[in-house]
C-alpha atoms as a PDB file:
ATOM      1  CA  UNK A   1     193.238 181.896 154.170  1.00  0.00           C
ATOM      2  CA  UNK A   2     191.156 178.725 154.430  1.00  0.00           C
ATOM      3  CA  UNK A   3     191.134 176.460 151.380  1.00  0.00           C
ATOM      4  CA  UNK A   4     187.904 174.615 150.626  1.00  0.00           C
ATOM      5  CA  UNK A   5     189.223 171.067 150.549  1.00  0.00           C
ATOM      6  CA  UNK A   6     187.372 168.334 152.424  1.00  0.00           C
ATOM      7  CA  UNK A   7     190.007 165.612 151.947  1.00  0.00           C
ATOM      8  CA  UNK A   8     193.680 165.367 151.172  1.00  0.00           C
ATOM      9  CA  UNK A   9     192.539 163.448 148.108  1.00  0.00           C
ATOM     10  CA  UNK A  10     191.306 166.769 146.671  1.00  0.00           C
ATOM     11  CA  UNK A  11     194.616 168.388 147.556  1.00  0.00           C
ATOM     12  CA  UNK A  12     196.540 165.714 145.640  1.00  0.00           C
ATOM     13  CA  UNK A  13     194.303 166.229 142.615  1.00  0.00           C
ATOM     14  CA  UNK A  14     194.808 170.008 142.809  1.00  0.00           C
ATOM     15  CA  UNK A  15     198.586 169.567 143.025  1.00  0.00           C
ATOM     16  CA  UNK A  16     198.498 167.376 139.928  1.00  0.00           C
ATOM     17  CA  UNK A  17     196.659 170.104 138.010  1.00  0.00           C
ATOM     18  CA  UNK A  18     199.119 172.770 139.159  1.00  0.00           C
ATOM     19  CA  UNK A  19     202.485 171.036 138.829  1.00  0.00           C
ATOM     20  CA  UNK A  20     204.306 170.433 135.542  1.00  0.00           C
ATOM     21  CA  UNK A  21     204.933 166.800 134.641  1.00  0.00           C
ATOM     22  CA  UNK A  22     208.646 166.822 135.490  1.00  0.00           C
ATOM     23  CA  UNK A  23     208.117 168.299 138.971  1.00  0.00           C
ATOM     24  CA  UNK A  24     205.160 165.988 139.599  1.00  0.00           C
ATOM     25  CA  UNK A  25     207.235 162.942 138.710  1.00  0.00           C
ATOM     26  CA  UNK A  26     210.173 164.107 140.847  1.00  0.00           C
ATOM     27  CA  UNK A  27     207.884 164.530 143.847  1.00  0.00           C
ATOM     28  CA  UNK A  28     205.642 161.516 143.396  1.00  0.00           C
ATOM     29  CA  UNK A  29     207.883 158.763 142.053  1.00  0.00           C
ATOM     30  CA  UNK A  30     210.388 156.378 143.560  1.00  0.00           C
ATOM     31  CA  UNK A  31     213.501 154.469 142.503  1.00  0.00           C
ATOM     32  CA  UNK A  32     213.613 151.946 139.662  1.00  0.00           C
ATOM     33  CA  UNK A  33     210.587 149.596 139.928  1.00  0.00           C
ATOM     34  CA  UNK A  34     209.206 151.656 142.847  1.00  0.00           C
ATOM     35  CA  UNK A  35     208.910 148.455 144.875  1.00  0.00           C
ATOM     36  CA  UNK A  36     210.201 150.049 148.086  1.00  0.00           C
ATOM     37  CA  UNK A  37     207.786 152.946 147.663  1.00  0.00           C
ATOM     38  CA  UNK A  38     204.863 150.571 147.219  1.00  0.00           C
ATOM     39  CA  UNK A  39     205.956 148.493 150.210  1.00  0.00           C
ATOM     40  CA  UNK A  40     205.803 151.624 152.350  1.00  0.00           C
ATOM     41  CA  UNK A  41     202.079 151.735 151.608  1.00  0.00           C
ATOM     42  CA  UNK A  42     201.657 147.954 151.740  1.00  0.00           C
ATOM     43  CA  UNK A  43     203.113 147.923 155.249  1.00  0.00           C
ATOM     44  CA  UNK A  44     200.500 150.352 156.534  1.00  0.00           C
ATOM     45  CA  UNK A  45     197.730 148.651 154.556  1.00  0.00           C
ATOM     46  CA  UNK A  46     198.682 145.296 156.113  1.00  0.00           C
ATOM     47  CA  UNK A  47     197.994 146.479 159.659  1.00  0.00           C
ATOM     48  CA  UNK A  48     194.561 146.494 161.235  1.00  0.00           C
ATOM     49  CA  UNK A  49     193.304 148.430 164.241  1.00  0.00           C
ATOM     50  CA  UNK A  50     191.828 146.897 167.420  1.00  0.00           C
ATOM     51  CA  UNK A  51     189.385 149.438 168.873  1.00  0.00           C
ATOM     52  CA  UNK A  52     188.168 149.495 172.450  1.00  0.00           C
ATOM     53  CA  UNK A  53     184.676 150.781 173.273  1.00  0.00           C
ATOM     54  CA  UNK A  54     182.752 152.280 176.195  1.00  0.00           C
ATOM     55  CA  UNK A  55     185.584 154.711 176.896  1.00  0.00           C
ATOM     56  CA  UNK A  56     184.978 158.413 177.536  1.00  0.00           C
ATOM     57  CA  UNK A  57     186.514 160.022 174.451  1.00  0.00           C
ATOM     58  CA  UNK A  58     184.645 163.318 174.655  1.00  0.00           C
ATOM     59  CA  UNK A  59     188.007 165.090 174.828  1.00  0.00           C
ATOM     60  CA  UNK A  60     190.888 163.934 172.635  1.00  0.00           C
ATOM     61  CA  UNK A  61     194.395 165.413 172.994  1.00  0.00           C
ATOM     62  CA  UNK A  62     196.548 164.937 169.885  1.00  0.00           C
ATOM     63  CA  UNK A  63     199.573 166.878 171.153  1.00  0.00           C
ATOM     64  CA  UNK A  64     203.002 165.486 171.885  1.00  0.00           C
ATOM     65  CA  UNK A  65     206.543 166.798 172.332  1.00  0.00           C
ATOM     66  CA  UNK A  66     209.707 166.296 170.320  1.00  0.00           C
ATOM     67  CA  UNK A  67     213.130 167.529 171.455  1.00  0.00           C
ATOM     68  CA  UNK A  68     211.341 169.526 174.124  1.00  0.00           C
ATOM     69  CA  UNK A  69     209.068 171.273 171.621  1.00  0.00           C
ATOM     70  CA  UNK A  70     205.278 170.906 171.594  1.00  0.00           C
ATOM     71  CA  UNK A  71     203.676 169.487 168.460  1.00  0.00           C
ATOM     72  CA  UNK A  72     199.967 169.991 167.781  1.00  0.00           C
ATOM     73  CA  UNK A  73     199.880 166.521 166.225  1.00  0.00           C
ATOM     74  CA  UNK A  74     202.687 163.933 166.032  1.00  0.00           C
ATOM     75  CA  UNK A  75     203.523 164.996 162.467  1.00  0.00           C
ATOM     76  CA  UNK A  76     206.503 167.031 161.236  1.00  0.00           C
ATOM     77  CA  UNK A  77     207.673 168.122 157.794  1.00  0.00           C
ATOM     78  CA  UNK A  78     210.324 165.858 156.245  1.00  0.00           C
ATOM     79  CA  UNK A  79     213.277 167.523 154.511  1.00  0.00           C
ATOM     80  CA  UNK A  80     212.610 167.897 150.779  1.00  0.00           C
ATOM     81  CA  UNK A  81     215.162 169.166 148.274  1.00  0.00           C
ATOM     82  CA  UNK A  82     214.383 171.656 145.496  1.00  0.00           C
ATOM     83  CA  UNK A  83     211.156 172.868 147.115  1.00  0.00           C
ATOM     84  CA  UNK A  84     211.372 175.984 144.963  1.00  0.00           C
ATOM     85  CA  UNK A  85     210.254 173.882 141.988  1.00  0.00           C
ATOM     86  CA  UNK A  86     206.989 173.074 143.813  1.00  0.00           C
ATOM     87  CA  UNK A  87     206.164 176.523 145.213  1.00  0.00           C
ATOM     88  CA  UNK A  88     207.916 179.884 144.648  1.00  0.00           C
ATOM     89  CA  UNK A  89     208.596 180.438 148.366  1.00  0.00           C
ATOM     90  CA  UNK A  90     210.373 177.099 148.622  1.00  0.00           C
ATOM     91  CA  UNK A  91     211.430 176.230 152.155  1.00  0.00           C
ATOM     92  CA  UNK A  92     209.962 179.444 153.533  1.00  0.00           C
ATOM     93  CA  UNK A  93     206.451 178.203 152.702  1.00  0.00           C
ATOM     94  CA  UNK A  94     207.048 175.051 154.749  1.00  0.00           C
ATOM     95  CA  UNK A  95     208.481 176.999 157.681  1.00  0.00           C
ATOM     96  CA  UNK A  96     205.495 179.358 157.699  1.00  0.00           C
ATOM     97  CA  UNK A  97     203.015 176.479 157.487  1.00  0.00           C
ATOM     98  CA  UNK A  98     204.711 174.596 160.333  1.00  0.00           C
ATOM     99  CA  UNK A  99     204.706 177.705 162.508  1.00  0.00           C
ATOM    100  CA  UNK A 100     201.088 178.578 161.723  1.00  0.00           C
ATOM    101  CA  UNK A 101     199.841 175.069 162.411  1.00  0.00           C
ATOM    102  CA  UNK A 102     202.080 174.309 165.384  1.00  0.00           C
ATOM    103  CA  UNK A 103     204.608 171.682 164.369  1.00  0.00           C
ATOM    104  CA  UNK A 104     208.243 171.580 163.204  1.00  0.00           C
ATOM    105  CA  UNK A 105     209.962 171.292 159.852  1.00  0.00           C
ATOM    106  CA  UNK A 106     213.211 169.689 158.770  1.00  0.00           C
ATOM    107  CA  UNK A 107     214.993 172.074 156.390  1.00  0.00           C
ATOM    108  CA  UNK A 108     216.844 170.347 153.560  1.00  0.00           C
ATOM    109  CA  UNK A 109     220.376 171.521 152.815  1.00  0.00           C
ATOM    110  CA  UNK A 110     219.564 171.220 149.095  1.00  0.00           C
ATOM    111  CA  UNK A 111     216.531 173.467 148.893  1.00  0.00           C
ATOM    112  CA  UNK A 112     216.064 177.185 148.412  1.00  0.00           C
ATOM    113  CA  UNK A 113     216.228 179.831 149.729  1.00  0.00           C
ATOM    114  CA  UNK A 114     219.277 179.759 152.022  1.00  0.00           C
ATOM    115  CA  UNK A 115     219.231 178.151 155.436  1.00  0.00           C
ATOM    116  CA  UNK A 116     219.459 181.630 156.955  1.00  0.00           C
ATOM    117  CA  UNK A 117     216.474 182.959 155.002  1.00  0.00           C
ATOM    118  CA  UNK A 118     214.334 179.964 155.921  1.00  0.00           C
ATOM    119  CA  UNK A 119     215.359 180.261 159.587  1.00  0.00           C
ATOM    120  CA  UNK A 120     214.571 183.982 159.641  1.00  0.00           C
ATOM    121  CA  UNK A 121     211.127 183.560 158.049  1.00  0.00           C
ATOM    122  CA  UNK A 122     209.587 182.554 161.401  1.00  0.00           C
ATOM    123  CA  UNK A 123     210.731 182.406 165.003  1.00  0.00           C
ATOM    124  CA  UNK A 124     209.388 178.849 165.283  1.00  0.00           C
ATOM    125  CA  UNK A 125     211.882 176.009 166.040  1.00  0.00           C
ATOM    126  CA  UNK A 126     213.357 174.191 163.048  1.00  0.00           C
ATOM    127  CA  UNK A 127     215.726 171.289 162.397  1.00  0.00           C
ATOM    128  CA  UNK A 128     218.445 171.389 159.742  1.00  0.00           C
ATOM    129  CA  UNK A 129     219.106 168.368 157.524  1.00  0.00           C
ATOM    130  CA  UNK A 130     222.650 168.031 156.202  1.00  0.00           C
ATOM    131  CA  UNK A 131     224.047 166.308 153.128  1.00  0.00           C
ATOM    132  CA  UNK A 132     227.838 165.998 153.281  1.00  0.00           C
ATOM    133  CA  UNK A 133     229.510 167.858 150.429  1.00  0.00           C
ATOM    134  CA  UNK A 134     232.993 168.291 151.869  1.00  0.00           C
ATOM    135  CA  UNK A 135     235.386 167.279 154.639  1.00  0.00           C
ATOM    136  CA  UNK A 136     235.113 168.091 158.323  1.00  0.00           C
ATOM    137  CA  UNK A 137     236.230 171.701 157.774  1.00  0.00           C
ATOM    138  CA  UNK A 138     233.373 172.136 155.300  1.00  0.00           C
ATOM    139  CA  UNK A 139     230.982 170.530 157.797  1.00  0.00           C
ATOM    140  CA  UNK A 140     232.183 172.856 160.563  1.00  0.00           C
ATOM    141  CA  UNK A 141     231.494 175.922 158.404  1.00  0.00           C
ATOM    142  CA  UNK A 142     227.957 174.775 157.581  1.00  0.00           C
ATOM    143  CA  UNK A 143     227.231 173.787 161.177  1.00  0.00           C
ATOM    144  CA  UNK A 144     228.401 177.188 162.405  1.00  0.00           C
ATOM    145  CA  UNK A 145     225.893 178.809 160.050  1.00  0.00           C
ATOM    146  CA  UNK A 146     223.190 176.403 161.267  1.00  0.00           C
ATOM    147  CA  UNK A 147     223.848 177.230 164.911  1.00  0.00           C
ATOM    148  CA  UNK A 148     224.029 180.963 164.259  1.00  0.00           C
ATOM    149  CA  UNK A 149     220.696 180.797 162.428  1.00  0.00           C
ATOM    150  CA  UNK A 150     219.066 179.218 165.495  1.00  0.00           C
ATOM    151  CA  UNK A 151     218.247 175.675 164.427  1.00  0.00           C
ATOM    152  CA  UNK A 152     217.603 173.397 167.397  1.00  0.00           C
ATOM    153  CA  UNK A 153     219.013 170.110 166.028  1.00  0.00           C
ATOM    154  CA  UNK A 154     221.025 168.621 163.184  1.00  0.00           C
ATOM    155  CA  UNK A 155     219.744 165.790 161.001  1.00  0.00           C
ATOM    156  CA  UNK A 156     222.289 163.736 159.071  1.00  0.00           C
ATOM    157  CA  UNK A 157     220.912 161.793 156.098  1.00  0.00           C
ATOM    158  CA  UNK A 158     222.819 158.543 155.626  1.00  0.00           C
ATOM    159  CA  UNK A 159     221.019 156.556 152.916  1.00  0.00           C
ATOM    160  CA  UNK A 160     222.339 158.519 149.923  1.00  0.00           C
ATOM    161  CA  UNK A 161     225.872 157.209 149.428  1.00  0.00           C
ATOM    162  CA  UNK A 162     224.936 157.130 145.758  1.00  0.00           C
ATOM    163  CA  UNK A 163     222.107 158.971 144.014  1.00  0.00           C
ATOM    164  CA  UNK A 164     219.499 156.452 142.898  1.00  0.00           C
ATOM    165  CA  UNK A 165     217.919 155.853 139.511  1.00  0.00           C
ATOM    166  CA  UNK A 166     214.545 157.563 139.740  1.00  0.00           C
ATOM    167  CA  UNK A 167     213.054 156.554 136.461  1.00  0.00           C
ATOM    168  CA  UNK A 168     210.045 158.844 136.258  1.00  0.00           C
ATOM    169  CA  UNK A 169     212.258 161.964 136.078  1.00  0.00           C
ATOM    170  CA  UNK A 170     214.852 160.110 133.990  1.00  0.00           C
ATOM    171  CA  UNK A 171     212.261 159.332 131.348  1.00  0.00           C
ATOM    172  CA  UNK A 172     211.510 163.061 131.174  1.00  0.00           C
ATOM    173  CA  UNK A 173     215.251 163.819 130.807  1.00  0.00           C
ATOM    174  CA  UNK A 174     214.814 166.024 133.902  1.00  0.00           C
ATOM    175  CA  UNK A 175     216.812 166.496 137.103  1.00  0.00           C
ATOM    176  CA  UNK A 176     216.008 168.666 140.117  1.00  0.00           C
ATOM    177  CA  UNK A 177     218.087 171.856 140.459  1.00  0.00           C
ATOM    178  CA  UNK A 178     220.119 170.427 143.342  1.00  0.00           C
ATOM    179  CA  UNK A 179     221.157 167.490 141.177  1.00  0.00           C
ATOM    180  CA  UNK A 180     222.111 169.725 138.238  1.00  0.00           C
ATOM    181  CA  UNK A 181     224.267 172.235 140.087  1.00  0.00           C
ATOM    182  CA  UNK A 182     225.593 170.518 143.207  1.00  0.00           C
ATOM    183  CA  UNK A 183     229.243 169.606 143.616  1.00  0.00           C
ATOM    184  CA  UNK A 184     230.949 167.388 146.176  1.00  0.00           C
ATOM    185  CA  UNK A 185     228.273 164.691 146.154  1.00  0.00           C
ATOM    186  CA  UNK A 186     230.958 161.977 146.397  1.00  0.00           C
ATOM    187  CA  UNK A 187     231.629 163.028 149.999  1.00  0.00           C
ATOM    188  CA  UNK A 188     228.318 161.414 150.968  1.00  0.00           C
ATOM    189  CA  UNK A 189     229.832 158.026 150.023  1.00  0.00           C
ATOM    190  CA  UNK A 190     232.695 158.656 152.467  1.00  0.00           C
ATOM    191  CA  UNK A 191     230.376 159.089 155.455  1.00  0.00           C
ATOM    192  CA  UNK A 192     231.072 156.640 158.310  1.00  0.00           C
ATOM    193  CA  UNK A 193     230.092 156.242 161.950  1.00  0.00           C
ATOM    194  CA  UNK A 194     233.421 157.817 162.895  1.00  0.00           C
ATOM    195  CA  UNK A 195     232.646 160.870 160.775  1.00  0.00           C
ATOM    196  CA  UNK A 196     229.165 161.042 162.295  1.00  0.00           C
ATOM    197  CA  UNK A 197     230.827 161.082 165.723  1.00  0.00           C
ATOM    198  CA  UNK A 198     233.015 163.975 164.638  1.00  0.00           C
ATOM    199  CA  UNK A 199     230.040 165.879 163.244  1.00  0.00           C
ATOM    200  CA  UNK A 200     228.105 165.366 166.476  1.00  0.00           C
ATOM    201  CA  UNK A 201     231.048 166.723 168.462  1.00  0.00           C
ATOM    202  CA  UNK A 202     231.345 169.778 166.177  1.00  0.00           C
ATOM    203  CA  UNK A 203     227.600 170.441 166.298  1.00  0.00           C
ATOM    204  CA  UNK A 204     227.124 170.292 170.040  1.00  0.00           C
ATOM    205  CA  UNK A 205     223.376 169.911 169.517  1.00  0.00           C
ATOM    206  CA  UNK A 206     220.980 166.961 169.253  1.00  0.00           C
ATOM    207  CA  UNK A 207     221.905 164.683 166.352  1.00  0.00           C
ATOM    208  CA  UNK A 208     219.279 162.879 164.292  1.00  0.00           C
ATOM    209  CA  UNK A 209     220.344 160.085 161.933  1.00  0.00           C
ATOM    210  CA  UNK A 210     217.929 159.772 159.000  1.00  0.00           C
ATOM    211  CA  UNK A 211     217.921 156.604 156.933  1.00  0.00           C
ATOM    212  CA  UNK A 212     218.015 153.851 159.563  1.00  0.00           C
ATOM    213  CA  UNK A 213     216.348 150.697 158.222  1.00  0.00           C
ATOM    214  CA  UNK A 214     217.645 147.820 160.387  1.00  0.00           C
ATOM    215  CA  UNK A 215     217.968 146.850 164.024  1.00  0.00           C
ATOM    216  CA  UNK A 216     221.740 146.523 163.574  1.00  0.00           C
ATOM    217  CA  UNK A 217     222.181 150.141 162.535  1.00  0.00           C
ATOM    218  CA  UNK A 218     219.712 151.357 165.156  1.00  0.00           C
ATOM    219  CA  UNK A 219     221.798 149.626 167.827  1.00  0.00           C
ATOM    220  CA  UNK A 220     224.976 151.205 166.464  1.00  0.00           C
ATOM    221  CA  UNK A 221     223.333 154.623 166.401  1.00  0.00           C
ATOM    222  CA  UNK A 222     222.474 154.341 170.088  1.00  0.00           C
ATOM    223  CA  UNK A 223     226.007 153.188 170.882  1.00  0.00           C
ATOM    224  CA  UNK A 224     227.326 156.291 169.101  1.00  0.00           C
ATOM    225  CA  UNK A 225     225.131 158.584 171.167  1.00  0.00           C
ATOM    226  CA  UNK A 226     222.639 159.541 168.476  1.00  0.00           C
ATOM    227  CA  UNK A 227     219.687 161.368 170.003  1.00  0.00           C
ATOM    228  CA  UNK A 228     216.977 160.482 167.474  1.00  0.00           C
ATOM    229  CA  UNK A 229     216.648 157.485 165.149  1.00  0.00           C
ATOM    230  CA  UNK A 230     214.865 158.542 161.960  1.00  0.00           C
ATOM    231  CA  UNK A 231     213.476 155.408 160.302  1.00  0.00           C
ATOM    232  CA  UNK A 232     213.365 156.104 156.583  1.00  0.00           C
ATOM    233  CA  UNK A 233     214.032 154.634 153.164  1.00  0.00           C
ATOM    234  CA  UNK A 234     213.874 158.060 151.524  1.00  0.00           C
ATOM    235  CA  UNK A 235     210.251 157.531 150.579  1.00  0.00           C
ATOM    236  CA  UNK A 236     211.267 154.594 148.390  1.00  0.00           C
ATOM    237  CA  UNK A 237     213.477 156.915 146.366  1.00  0.00           C
ATOM    238  CA  UNK A 238     216.887 155.356 147.104  1.00  0.00           C
ATOM    239  CA  UNK A 239     217.432 151.577 147.451  1.00  0.00           C
ATOM    240  CA  UNK A 240     214.731 149.703 145.578  1.00  0.00           C
ATOM    241  CA  UNK A 241     213.329 146.392 146.861  1.00  0.00           C
ATOM    242  CA  UNK A 242     213.744 147.457 150.471  1.00  0.00           C
ATOM    243  CA  UNK A 243     211.161 146.873 153.184  1.00  0.00           C
ATOM    244  CA  UNK A 244     208.419 149.290 154.091  1.00  0.00           C
ATOM    245  CA  UNK A 245     209.443 151.522 156.976  1.00  0.00           C
ATOM    246  CA  UNK A 246     206.520 150.473 159.180  1.00  0.00           C
ATOM    247  CA  UNK A 247     207.670 146.859 158.706  1.00  0.00           C
ATOM    248  CA  UNK A 248     211.146 147.709 160.000  1.00  0.00           C
ATOM    249  CA  UNK A 249     209.878 149.713 162.972  1.00  0.00           C
ATOM    250  CA  UNK A 250     209.298 146.916 165.544  1.00  0.00           C
ATOM    251  CA  UNK A 251     212.845 145.527 165.313  1.00  0.00           C
ATOM    252  CA  UNK A 252     214.294 149.040 165.494  1.00  0.00           C
ATOM    253  CA  UNK A 253     212.227 149.917 168.552  1.00  0.00           C
ATOM    254  CA  UNK A 254     213.433 146.758 170.254  1.00  0.00           C
ATOM    255  CA  UNK A 255     217.065 147.491 169.390  1.00  0.00           C
ATOM    256  CA  UNK A 256     216.861 151.079 170.617  1.00  0.00           C
ATOM    257  CA  UNK A 257     215.337 150.019 173.919  1.00  0.00           C
ATOM    258  CA  UNK A 258     214.040 153.470 174.796  1.00  0.00           C
ATOM    259  CA  UNK A 259     217.507 155.067 174.603  1.00  0.00           C
ATOM    260  CA  UNK A 260     216.548 157.434 171.781  1.00  0.00           C
ATOM    261  CA  UNK A 261     213.372 158.855 170.274  1.00  0.00           C
ATOM    262  CA  UNK A 262     212.226 157.345 166.989  1.00  0.00           C
ATOM    263  CA  UNK A 263     210.724 159.190 164.020  1.00  0.00           C
ATOM    264  CA  UNK A 264     209.364 157.494 160.892  1.00  0.00           C
ATOM    265  CA  UNK A 265     208.498 158.486 157.351  1.00  0.00           C
ATOM    266  CA  UNK A 266     207.601 156.616 154.171  1.00  0.00           C
ATOM    267  CA  UNK A 267     204.069 156.407 152.822  1.00  0.00           C
ATOM    268  CA  UNK A 268     202.375 158.363 155.623  1.00  0.00           C
ATOM    269  CA  UNK A 269     199.231 159.884 154.131  1.00  0.00           C
ATOM    270  CA  UNK A 270     196.418 159.182 156.603  1.00  0.00           C
ATOM    271  CA  UNK A 271     195.588 159.654 160.254  1.00  0.00           C
ATOM    272  CA  UNK A 272     195.421 155.894 160.629  1.00  0.00           C
ATOM    273  CA  UNK A 273     199.031 155.678 159.365  1.00  0.00           C
ATOM    274  CA  UNK A 274     200.083 158.043 162.136  1.00  0.00           C
ATOM    275  CA  UNK A 275     198.222 156.025 164.758  1.00  0.00           C
ATOM    276  CA  UNK A 276     199.787 152.762 163.536  1.00  0.00           C
ATOM    277  CA  UNK A 277     203.307 154.231 163.667  1.00  0.00           C
ATOM    278  CA  UNK A 278     202.752 155.499 167.210  1.00  0.00           C
ATOM    279  CA  UNK A 279     201.329 152.138 168.249  1.00  0.00           C
ATOM    280  CA  UNK A 280     204.501 150.388 167.079  1.00  0.00           C
ATOM    281  CA  UNK A 281     206.832 152.751 168.923  1.00  0.00           C
ATOM    282  CA  UNK A 282     207.427 155.913 166.893  1.00  0.00           C
ATOM    283  CA  UNK A 283     207.411 159.215 168.743  1.00  0.00           C
ATOM    284  CA  UNK A 284     206.201 161.040 165.637  1.00  0.00           C
ATOM    285  CA  UNK A 285     206.090 160.735 161.861  1.00  0.00           C
ATOM    286  CA  UNK A 286     207.120 163.081 159.083  1.00  0.00           C
ATOM    287  CA  UNK A 287     205.421 163.628 155.745  1.00  0.00           C
ATOM    288  CA  UNK A 288     207.230 164.078 152.437  1.00  0.00           C
ATOM    289  CA  UNK A 289     205.077 163.456 149.369  1.00  0.00           C
ATOM    290  CA  UNK A 290     201.935 164.667 151.152  1.00  0.00           C
ATOM    291  CA  UNK A 291     203.796 167.809 152.188  1.00  0.00           C
ATOM    292  CA  UNK A 292     204.793 168.420 148.580  1.00  0.00           C
ATOM    293  CA  UNK A 293     201.269 167.818 147.341  1.00  0.00           C
ATOM    294  CA  UNK A 294     199.949 170.388 149.826  1.00  0.00           C
ATOM    295  CA  UNK A 295     202.488 172.919 148.610  1.00  0.00           C
ATOM    296  CA  UNK A 296     201.631 172.124 145.009  1.00  0.00           C
ATOM    297  CA  UNK A 297     197.937 172.618 145.682  1.00  0.00           C
ATOM    298  CA  UNK A 298     198.231 175.964 147.432  1.00  0.00           C
ATOM    299  CA  UNK A 299     201.671 176.850 148.775  1.00  0.00           C
ATOM    300  CA  UNK A 300     201.790 177.567 152.485  1.00  0.00           C
ATOM    301  CA  UNK A 301     198.009 177.529 152.819  1.00  0.00           C
ATOM    302  CA  UNK A 302     197.775 174.213 151.015  1.00  0.00           C
ATOM    303  CA  UNK A 303     200.204 172.638 153.475  1.00  0.00           C
ATOM    304  CA  UNK A 304     198.366 174.079 156.475  1.00  0.00           C
ATOM    305  CA  UNK A 305     195.167 172.525 155.110  1.00  0.00           C
ATOM    306  CA  UNK A 306     196.933 169.152 154.735  1.00  0.00           C
ATOM    307  CA  UNK A 307     197.856 169.308 158.417  1.00  0.00           C
ATOM    308  CA  UNK A 308     194.377 170.389 159.478  1.00  0.00           C
ATOM    309  CA  UNK A 309     192.835 167.469 157.603  1.00  0.00           C
ATOM    310  CA  UNK A 310     195.337 165.040 159.129  1.00  0.00           C
ATOM    311  CA  UNK A 311     194.454 166.435 162.555  1.00  0.00           C
ATOM    312  CA  UNK A 312     190.747 165.827 161.910  1.00  0.00           C
ATOM    313  CA  UNK A 313     191.528 162.250 160.920  1.00  0.00           C
ATOM    314  CA  UNK A 314     193.725 161.627 163.966  1.00  0.00           C
ATOM    315  CA  UNK A 315     191.055 162.969 166.339  1.00  0.00           C
ATOM    316  CA  UNK A 316     188.425 160.686 164.805  1.00  0.00           C
ATOM    317  CA  UNK A 317     190.806 157.710 164.732  1.00  0.00           C
ATOM    318  CA  UNK A 318     191.823 158.129 168.357  1.00  0.00           C
ATOM    319  CA  UNK A 319     188.238 158.548 169.552  1.00  0.00           C
ATOM    320  CA  UNK A 320     187.027 155.498 167.657  1.00  0.00           C
ATOM    321  CA  UNK A 321     190.053 153.533 168.862  1.00  0.00           C
ATOM    322  CA  UNK A 322     189.130 154.380 172.456  1.00  0.00           C
ATOM    323  CA  UNK A 323     192.110 156.545 173.444  1.00  0.00           C
ATOM    324  CA  UNK A 324     192.288 160.187 174.478  1.00  0.00           C
ATOM    325  CA  UNK A 325     196.066 160.844 174.478  1.00  0.00           C
ATOM    326  CA  UNK A 326     198.791 159.801 172.075  1.00  0.00           C
ATOM    327  CA  UNK A 327     200.780 158.114 174.849  1.00  0.00           C
ATOM    328  CA  UNK A 328     197.885 155.674 175.278  1.00  0.00           C
ATOM    329  CA  UNK A 329     198.354 154.296 171.763  1.00  0.00           C
ATOM    330  CA  UNK A 330     200.249 151.009 172.156  1.00  0.00           C
ATOM    331  CA  UNK A 331     200.800 147.840 170.160  1.00  0.00           C
ATOM    332  CA  UNK A 332     197.671 146.410 171.775  1.00  0.00           C
ATOM    333  CA  UNK A 333     195.685 148.523 169.311  1.00  0.00           C
ATOM    334  CA  UNK A 334     197.199 147.051 166.117  1.00  0.00           C
ATOM    335  CA  UNK A 335     197.324 143.637 164.495  1.00  0.00           C
ATOM    336  CA  UNK A 336     198.207 142.070 161.177  1.00  0.00           C
ATOM    337  CA  UNK A 337     195.461 142.274 158.565  1.00  0.00           C
ATOM    338  CA  UNK A 338     195.051 141.496 154.879  1.00  0.00           C
ATOM    339  CA  UNK A 339     195.423 144.550 152.611  1.00  0.00           C
ATOM    340  CA  UNK A 340     192.409 145.305 150.434  1.00  0.00           C
ATOM    341  CA  UNK A 341     193.995 147.697 147.927  1.00  0.00           C
ATOM    342  CA  UNK A 342     196.860 147.350 145.478  1.00  0.00           C
ATOM    343  CA  UNK A 343     199.798 149.306 146.982  1.00  0.00           C
ATOM    344  CA  UNK A 344     201.003 152.466 145.259  1.00  0.00           C
ATOM    345  CA  UNK A 345     201.784 156.034 146.272  1.00  0.00           C
ATOM    346  CA  UNK A 346     198.085 156.960 146.494  1.00  0.00           C
ATOM    347  CA  UNK A 347     196.474 153.715 147.616  1.00  0.00           C
ATOM    348  CA  UNK A 348     195.187 155.464 150.739  1.00  0.00           C
ATOM    349  CA  UNK A 349     192.933 157.538 148.468  1.00  0.00           C
ATOM    350  CA  UNK A 350     190.698 154.997 146.757  1.00  0.00           C
ATOM    351  CA  UNK A 351     188.466 157.606 145.120  1.00  0.00           C
ATOM    352  CA  UNK A 352     191.222 158.989 142.904  1.00  0.00           C
ATOM    353  CA  UNK A 353     190.291 157.584 139.482  1.00  0.00           C
ATOM    354  CA  UNK A 354     192.635 154.804 138.531  1.00  0.00           C
ATOM    355  CA  UNK A 355     194.535 155.215 141.777  1.00  0.00           C
ATOM    356  CA  UNK A 356     197.395 157.032 140.093  1.00  0.00           C
ATOM    357  CA  UNK A 357     197.567 160.429 138.421  1.00  0.00           C
ATOM    358  CA  UNK A 358     199.750 160.926 135.384  1.00  0.00           C
END
């Protein structure tokens, strides 16, 4: 099924029409003043591109690899909790979209249906994201299920020692299902590097640490044998007044020194955002809000269309930048530039009336 959207702007507007206010606010908002969320966009908006011309760009290859798996574009699906509130299929819709398009998805441990059902919905590779809700014995039981279900890597989220104050949902007196019913959340506050070491040993598969925001922690992650550094501030939904993820990327890349792959999320909504992240050293990006908006607009098909539109943008961006492969995109193609829009969650879509949808 091909949906007749010409821009992801239309998809966002369709999602707004389809989603109830509480779900929309859960998906779209950030923590407290939403400063971190806005800085995610401001960081991208404050970078300019330096195109080269008179290059043969008649053929542009957007593919890359991640953990040995081919990606059609350097974009994967970030783990999102409570997906069943956005689309009835929940995590299955994301898995099917990723498989159909040709990328990978991170499956949240706090979404529905079960990790086994999501894994079984396609035979395409997937990554499991884990929130700690018990001791090491509890972790071992979950990891055994993850391995048996065929996931190729484990992603440990580390920026949620305490659940943040997300005021848009709070003002609605609404909480996502995972927040209402979950127990054992305090174990996330007990997570340390030593426990991460133990989890990596139990898992025996590539370990991704999600929530790295400084060079210091990136260096520690490499020292502890982490395979992938996932640069993230939870889409601006955890610590407020943090830096935009693209602003933290250069120091993290330097600290890692090529010893681990780097993935980034936070405010990624355009092909140019993807190009800028690659130029500054990311292997790939993941999308969260944009993923949810695609699901809200049309379930699995809506998300596939989001990815197709991003692919069109990346092809155009690469060609006009003067590169034909993603590994040619280096820091030589970016520079600092003055932003021209006020930063917010949709500032990449200037034709949305008022910038924000309520």
